[in-house]
PDB file of N, CA and C in Angstrom:
ATOM      1  N   MET A   1      84.378  86.094 115.516  1.00  0.00           N
ATOM      2  CA  MET A   1      84.175  86.047 117.086  1.00  0.00           C
ATOM      3  C   MET A   1      84.320  84.166 117.267  1.00  0.00           C
ATOM      4  N   ASP A   2      84.909  84.558 118.465  1.00  0.00           N
ATOM      5  CA  ASP A   2      84.847  83.048 119.269  1.00  0.00           C
ATOM      6  C   ASP A   2      83.484  82.907 119.689  1.00  0.00           C
ATOM      7  N   SER A   3      83.142  81.126 119.367  1.00  0.00           N
ATOM      8  CA  SER A   3      81.769  80.620 120.342  1.00  0.00           C
ATOM      9  C   SER A   3      82.076  79.875 121.144  1.00  0.00           C
ATOM     10  N   VAL A   4      83.681  79.966 121.769  1.00  0.00           N
ATOM     11  CA  VAL A   4      83.863  79.567 122.928  1.00  0.00           C
ATOM     12  C   VAL A   4      83.908  80.913 124.224  1.00  0.00           C
ATOM     13  N   SER A   5      83.597  80.330 125.168  1.00  0.00           N
ATOM     14  CA  SER A   5      83.693  81.617 126.412  1.00  0.00           C
ATOM     15  C   SER A   5      84.811  81.290 126.826  1.00  0.00           C
ATOM     16  N   ASP A   6      85.131  82.166 127.756  1.00  0.00           N
ATOM     17  CA  ASP A   6      86.303  82.167 128.648  1.00  0.00           C
ATOM     18  C   ASP A   6      86.221  81.073 129.430  1.00  0.00           C
ATOM     19  N   VAL A   7      84.969  80.816 130.228  1.00  0.00           N
ATOM     20  CA  VAL A   7      84.815  79.727 131.327  1.00  0.00           C
ATOM     21  C   VAL A   7      85.310  78.362 130.362  1.00  0.00           C
ATOM     22  N   GLU A   8      84.714  78.015 129.434  1.00  0.00           N
ATOM     23  CA  GLU A   8      84.933  77.033 128.828  1.00  0.00           C
ATOM     24  C   GLU A   8      86.458  76.781 128.328  1.00  0.00           C
ATOM     25  N   VAL A   9      87.242  77.891 127.905  1.00  0.00           N
ATOM     26  CA  VAL A   9      88.446  77.844 127.749  1.00  0.00           C
ATOM     27  C   VAL A   9      89.505  77.217 129.133  1.00  0.00           C
ATOM     28  N   TYR A  10      89.076  78.032 130.139  1.00  0.00           N
ATOM     29  CA  TYR A  10      89.755  77.566 131.144  1.00  0.00           C
ATOM     30  C   TYR A  10      89.242  75.989 131.627  1.00  0.00           C
ATOM     31  N   GLY A  11      88.494  75.881 131.479  1.00  0.00           N
ATOM     32  CA  GLY A  11      87.861  74.465 131.767  1.00  0.00           C
ATOM     33  C   GLY A  11      88.449  73.386 131.116  1.00  0.00           C
ATOM     34  N   GLN A  12      89.016  73.561 129.727  1.00  0.00           N
ATOM     35  CA  GLN A  12      89.385  72.540 128.647  1.00  0.00           C
ATOM     36  C   GLN A  12      91.151  72.633 129.074  1.00  0.00           C
ATOM     37  N   VAL A  13      91.163  73.674 129.486  1.00  0.00           N
ATOM     38  CA  VAL A  13      93.233  73.752 130.006  1.00  0.00           C
ATOM     39  C   VAL A  13      93.023  72.714 131.407  1.00  0.00           C
ATOM     40  N   LEU A  14      92.123  73.402 131.982  1.00  0.00           N
ATOM     41  CA  LEU A  14      92.438  72.181 133.389  1.00  0.00           C
ATOM     42  C   LEU A  14      92.108  70.788 133.265  1.00  0.00           C
ATOM     43  N   TYR A  15      91.226  70.527 132.363  1.00  0.00           N
ATOM     44  CA  TYR A  15      91.045  69.125 132.375  1.00  0.00           C
ATOM     45  C   TYR A  15      92.009  68.535 130.830  1.00  0.00           C
ATOM     46  N   SER A  16      92.453  69.182 130.399  1.00  0.00           N
ATOM     47  CA  SER A  16      93.632  68.721 129.490  1.00  0.00           C
ATOM     48  C   SER A  16      95.051  68.592 129.944  1.00  0.00           C
ATOM     49  N   TYR A  17      95.344  69.621 130.381  1.00  0.00           N
ATOM     50  CA  TYR A  17      97.141  69.931 130.438  1.00  0.00           C
ATOM     51  C   TYR A  17      97.158  69.549 132.293  1.00  0.00           C
ATOM     52  N   TYR A  18      96.065  69.787 132.973  1.00  0.00           N
ATOM     53  CA  TYR A  18      96.316  69.911 134.497  1.00  0.00           C
ATOM     54  C   TYR A  18      95.602  68.784 135.225  1.00  0.00           C
ATOM     55  N   VAL A  19      95.362  67.529 134.742  1.00  0.00           N
ATOM     56  CA  VAL A  19      94.724  66.663 135.008  1.00  0.00           C
ATOM     57  C   VAL A  19      94.841  66.050 136.369  1.00  0.00           C
ATOM     58  N   LEU A  20      96.371  65.828 136.229  1.00  0.00           N
ATOM     59  CA  LEU A  20      96.977  65.328 137.320  1.00  0.00           C
ATOM     60  C   LEU A  20      96.930  66.339 138.561  1.00  0.00           C
ATOM     61  N   GLN A  21      97.342  67.336 138.554  1.00  0.00           N
ATOM     62  CA  GLN A  21      97.327  68.116 139.607  1.00  0.00           C
ATOM     63  C   GLN A  21      96.323  68.588 140.012  1.00  0.00           C
ATOM     64  N   PHE A  22      94.670  68.545 139.041  1.00  0.00           N
ATOM     65  CA  PHE A  22      93.526  68.735 139.620  1.00  0.00           C
ATOM     66  C   PHE A  22      93.149  67.449 140.474  1.00  0.00           C
ATOM     67  N   LEU A  23      93.336  66.601 139.763  1.00  0.00           N
ATOM     68  CA  LEU A  23      93.214  64.965 140.786  1.00  0.00           C
ATOM     69  C   LEU A  23      93.688  64.880 141.770  1.00  0.00           C
ATOM     70  N   ILE A  24      94.927  65.048 141.958  1.00  0.00           N
ATOM     71  CA  ILE A  24      95.797  65.370 143.236  1.00  0.00           C
ATOM     72  C   ILE A  24      95.239  66.509 144.566  1.00  0.00           C
ATOM     73  N   SER A  25      94.881  67.607 144.041  1.00  0.00           N
ATOM     74  CA  SER A  25      94.033  68.391 144.750  1.00  0.00           C
ATOM     75  C   SER A  25      92.741  67.914 145.586  1.00  0.00           C
ATOM     76  N   GLY A  26      92.130  67.167 144.427  1.00  0.00           N
ATOM     77  CA  GLY A  26      90.970  66.760 144.912  1.00  0.00           C
ATOM     78  C   GLY A  26      91.019  65.790 145.719  1.00  0.00           C
ATOM     79  N   LEU A  27      91.849  64.475 145.487  1.00  0.00           N
ATOM     80  CA  LEU A  27      92.460  63.726 146.926  1.00  0.00           C
ATOM     81  C   LEU A  27      92.515  64.312 148.051  1.00  0.00           C
ATOM     82  N   ILE A  28      93.385  65.175 148.194  1.00  0.00           N
ATOM     83  CA  ILE A  28      93.689  66.165 149.448  1.00  0.00           C
ATOM     84  C   ILE A  28      92.608  66.649 149.753  1.00  0.00           C
ATOM     85  N   LEU A  29      91.787  67.296 149.406  1.00  0.00           N
ATOM     86  CA  LEU A  29      90.807  67.818 149.932  1.00  0.00           C
ATOM     87  C   LEU A  29      89.946  66.675 150.774  1.00  0.00           C
ATOM     88  N   LEU A  30      89.699  65.669 149.817  1.00  0.00           N
ATOM     89  CA  LEU A  30      88.977  64.377 150.213  1.00  0.00           C
ATOM     90  C   LEU A  30      89.522  63.896 151.610  1.00  0.00           C
ATOM     91  N   LEU A  31      90.663  63.576 151.611  1.00  0.00           N
ATOM     92  CA  LEU A  31      91.360  63.318 152.737  1.00  0.00           C
ATOM     93  C   LEU A  31      91.237  64.219 154.131  1.00  0.00           C
ATOM     94  N   VAL A  32      91.617  65.512 153.554  1.00  0.00           N
ATOM     95  CA  VAL A  32      91.314  66.641 154.882  1.00  0.00           C
ATOM     96  C   VAL A  32      89.778  66.494 155.243  1.00  0.00           C
ATOM     97  N   LEU A  33      88.747  66.490 154.438  1.00  0.00           N
ATOM     98  CA  LEU A  33      87.012  66.188 155.063  1.00  0.00           C
ATOM     99  C   LEU A  33      87.166  65.000 155.825  1.00  0.00           C
ATOM    100  N   VAL A  34      87.777  63.849 155.360  1.00  0.00           N
ATOM    101  CA  VAL A  34      87.387  62.649 156.102  1.00  0.00           C
ATOM    102  C   VAL A  34      88.171  62.490 157.308  1.00  0.00           C
ATOM    103  N   SER A  35      89.427  63.362 157.381  1.00  0.00           N
ATOM    104  CA  SER A  35      90.123  63.441 158.690  1.00  0.00           C
ATOM    105  C   SER A  35      89.508  64.321 159.866  1.00  0.00           C
ATOM    106  N   VAL A  36      88.807  65.446 158.854  1.00  0.00           N
ATOM    107  CA  VAL A  36      88.284  66.471 160.025  1.00  0.00           C
ATOM    108  C   VAL A  36      87.030  66.001 160.651  1.00  0.00           C
ATOM    109  N   VAL A  37      86.364  64.551 159.789  1.00  0.00           N
ATOM    110  CA  VAL A  37      85.081  64.264 160.432  1.00  0.00           C
ATOM    111  C   VAL A  37      85.708  63.035 161.393  1.00  0.00           C
ATOM    112  N   TYR A  38      86.482  62.419 161.346  1.00  0.00           N
ATOM    113  CA  TYR A  38      86.946  61.328 162.257  1.00  0.00           C
ATOM    114  C   TYR A  38      87.490  62.113 163.307  1.00  0.00           C
ATOM    115  N   LEU A  39      87.997  63.169 163.574  1.00  0.00           N
ATOM    116  CA  LEU A  39      88.634  64.144 164.667  1.00  0.00           C
ATOM    117  C   LEU A  39      87.295  64.830 165.481  1.00  0.00           C
ATOM    118  N   THR A  40      86.053  65.028 164.912  1.00  0.00           N
ATOM    119  CA  THR A  40      85.482  65.611 165.635  1.00  0.00           C
ATOM    120  C   THR A  40      84.620  64.425 165.933  1.00  0.00           C
ATOM    121  N   ASN A  41      84.462  63.297 165.701  1.00  0.00           N
ATOM    122  CA  ASN A  41      83.672  62.270 166.546  1.00  0.00           C
ATOM    123  C   ASN A  41      84.291  61.934 167.575  1.00  0.00           C
ATOM    124  N   THR A  42      83.406  61.683 168.560  1.00  0.00           N
ATOM    125  CA  THR A  42      84.218  61.139 169.793  1.00  0.00           C
ATOM    126  C   THR A  42      83.427  59.535 170.085  1.00  0.00           C
ATOM    127  N   PHE A  43      84.278  58.736 170.235  1.00  0.00           N
ATOM    128  CA  PHE A  43      83.708  57.301 169.923  1.00  0.00           C
ATOM    129  C   PHE A  43      83.431  56.596 171.490  1.00  0.00           C
ATOM    130  N   GLU A  44      84.196  57.389 172.504  1.00  0.00           N
ATOM    131  CA  GLU A  44      84.109  56.862 173.918  1.00  0.00           C
ATOM    132  C   GLU A  44      82.884  57.253 174.357  1.00  0.00           C
ATOM    133  N   THR A  45      82.069  56.840 175.095  1.00  0.00           N
ATOM    134  CA  THR A  45      80.840  56.995 175.684  1.00  0.00           C
ATOM    135  C   THR A  45      81.497  57.875 177.071  1.00  0.00           C
ATOM    136  N   GLN A  46      82.522  57.639 177.548  1.00  0.00           N
ATOM    137  CA  GLN A  46      82.921  57.968 179.163  1.00  0.00           C
ATOM    138  C   GLN A  46      83.041  59.343 179.260  1.00  0.00           C
ATOM    139  N   GLN A  47      83.154  59.966 177.697  1.00  0.00           N
ATOM    140  CA  GLN A  47      83.302  61.552 177.676  1.00  0.00           C
ATOM    141  C   GLN A  47      82.394  62.310 178.048  1.00  0.00           C
ATOM    142  N   ILE A  48      80.970  61.956 178.348  1.00  0.00           N
ATOM    143  CA  ILE A  48      80.076  62.765 178.072  1.00  0.00           C
ATOM    144  C   ILE A  48      79.866  63.733 179.623  1.00  0.00           C
ATOM    145  N   LYS A  49      80.077  64.684 179.687  1.00  0.00           N
ATOM    146  CA  LYS A  49      79.843  65.784 180.989  1.00  0.00           C
ATOM    147  C   LYS A  49      78.486  65.550 181.163  1.00  0.00           C
ATOM    148  N   ASP A  50      78.386  65.487 182.479  1.00  0.00           N
ATOM    149  CA  ASP A  50      76.643  66.087 182.874  1.00  0.00           C
ATOM    150  C   ASP A  50      76.743  67.068 183.461  1.00  0.00           C
ATOM    151  N   GLN A  51      75.620  68.045 183.278  1.00  0.00           N
ATOM    152  CA  GLN A  51      75.526  69.164 183.873  1.00  0.00           C
ATOM    153  C   GLN A  51      75.206  69.074 185.462  1.00  0.00           C
ATOM    154  N   SER A  52      75.708  69.826 186.223  1.00  0.00           N
ATOM    155  CA  SER A  52      75.514  70.179 187.435  1.00  0.00           C
ATOM    156  C   SER A  52      74.642  71.363 188.025  1.00  0.00           C
ATOM    157  N   PHE A  53      73.254  71.064 188.387  1.00  0.00           N
ATOM    158  CA  PHE A  53      72.476  72.137 188.436  1.00  0.00           C
ATOM    159  C   PHE A  53      72.904  72.701 189.777  1.00  0.00           C
ATOM    160  N   PHE A  54      73.038  71.762 190.992  1.00  0.00           N
ATOM    161  CA  PHE A  54      73.350  72.447 192.372  1.00  0.00           C
ATOM    162  C   PHE A  54      74.364  73.252 192.250  1.00  0.00           C
ATOM    163  N   LYS A  55      75.487  73.007 191.490  1.00  0.00           N
ATOM    164  CA  LYS A  55      76.827  73.758 191.412  1.00  0.00           C
ATOM    165  C   LYS A  55      76.425  75.130 190.661  1.00  0.00           C
ATOM    166  N   GLN A  56      75.853  75.094 189.954  1.00  0.00           N
ATOM    167  CA  GLN A  56      75.370  76.228 189.071  1.00  0.00           C
ATOM    168  C   GLN A  56      74.553  77.113 189.485  1.00  0.00           C
ATOM    169  N   LEU A  57      73.562  76.996 190.358  1.00  0.00           N
ATOM    170  CA  LEU A  57      72.515  77.754 191.379  1.00  0.00           C
ATOM    171  C   LEU A  57      73.160  78.162 192.807  1.00  0.00           C
ATOM    172  N   SER A  58      74.156  77.588 193.091  1.00  0.00           N
ATOM    173  CA  SER A  58      74.601  77.845 194.533  1.00  0.00           C
ATOM    174  C   SER A  58      75.990  78.585 194.349  1.00  0.00           C
ATOM    175  N   ARG A  59      76.310  79.064 193.364  1.00  0.00           N
ATOM    176  CA  ARG A  59      77.549  79.999 193.270  1.00  0.00           C
ATOM    177  C   ARG A  59      76.858  81.238 193.469  1.00  0.00           C
ATOM    178  N   ASN A  60      78.107  82.283 194.202  1.00  0.00           N
ATOM    179  CA  ASN A  60      77.794  83.453 195.023  1.00  0.00           C
ATOM    180  C   ASN A  60      78.689  84.090 193.971  1.00  0.00           C
ATOM    181  N   SER A  61      78.445  85.378 193.641  1.00  0.00           N
ATOM    182  CA  SER A  61      78.975  86.256 192.871  1.00  0.00           C
ATOM    183  C   SER A  61      80.086  87.079 193.523  1.00  0.00           C
ATOM    184  N   LYS A  62      80.064  87.203 194.877  1.00  0.00           N
ATOM    185  CA  LYS A  62      80.964  87.567 195.877  1.00  0.00           C
ATOM    186  C   LYS A  62      82.418  87.185 195.934  1.00  0.00           C
ATOM    187  N   LEU A  63      82.286  85.923 195.996  1.00  0.00           N
ATOM    188  CA  LEU A  63      83.383  85.049 195.530  1.00  0.00           C
ATOM    189  C   LEU A  63      84.208  84.983 194.758  1.00  0.00           C
ATOM    190  N   PHE A  64      83.749  85.160 193.225  1.00  0.00           N
ATOM    191  CA  PHE A  64      84.092  85.446 192.114  1.00  0.00           C
ATOM    192  C   PHE A  64      84.621  86.547 191.578  1.00  0.00           C
ATOM    193  N   LEU A  65      83.905  87.790 191.977  1.00  0.00           N
ATOM    194  CA  LEU A  65      84.352  88.876 191.321  1.00  0.00           C
ATOM    195  C   LEU A  65      85.275  89.967 192.461  1.00  0.00           C
ATOM    196  N   LYS A  66      86.136  89.725 192.150  1.00  0.00           N
ATOM    197  CA  LYS A  66      87.433  90.380 192.972  1.00  0.00           C
ATOM    198  C   LYS A  66      87.394  92.098 192.627  1.00  0.00           C
ATOM    199  N   LYS A  67      87.593  92.916 193.759  1.00  0.00           N
ATOM    200  CA  LYS A  67      87.560  94.059 193.453  1.00  0.00           C
ATOM    201  C   LYS A  67      89.139  94.829 193.545  1.00  0.00           C
TER     202      LYS A  67
END
């Protein structure tokens, strides 16, 4: 019987034969993560939207529901 499990064999193959591909895929995933964080952050303070309570409370459903 082998004393090495299948997971260990897959790990040895990944880290010995496919090191370059493994590192490139990790770099791509890191760049995607950084770009998503950068795109979701808004750095301008002028884009803050205020809530208008008067407009929300003064809505009339007759004007917006058409039959």
